[in-house]
Amino acid sequence: MQEVELVPGGKELLVTQENRQEFVALFIEYEFKKQCAPQLKAFKKGFNRIIDLPVIKHVLNPGDLEQSICGQKQLDFHELKEYCIYANGFDPDC
């Protein structure tokens, strides 16, 4: 376990009604930007190796790119059940 101060002297500060929004913003920034920076850098490096970024920027908008990488946001579970192969005692009613 590692303790990180989000602001200088933060170890001595209490989270209150007045500063809670600032705390949440700093916490999210740390969790999603600073802490994941090495992994994100490695992902970008690998992504840039296989994708010609200037071409992609002209062909796809950010939403199209996200869908290509992450898939659809709305999942069709009826379609999934229809095409799923069940095994090990599982069936469509599980």
Foldseek 3Di string as FASTA:
>chain_A
DDDDQLDVVNVVDDDDPVCVVVVVVSVCCCVPPVVCPVVVVVVVVVVVVVDVVVVCVVVDDPVVVCCVVPNDPDDDVVVCLVPDDDDDPDHSVD
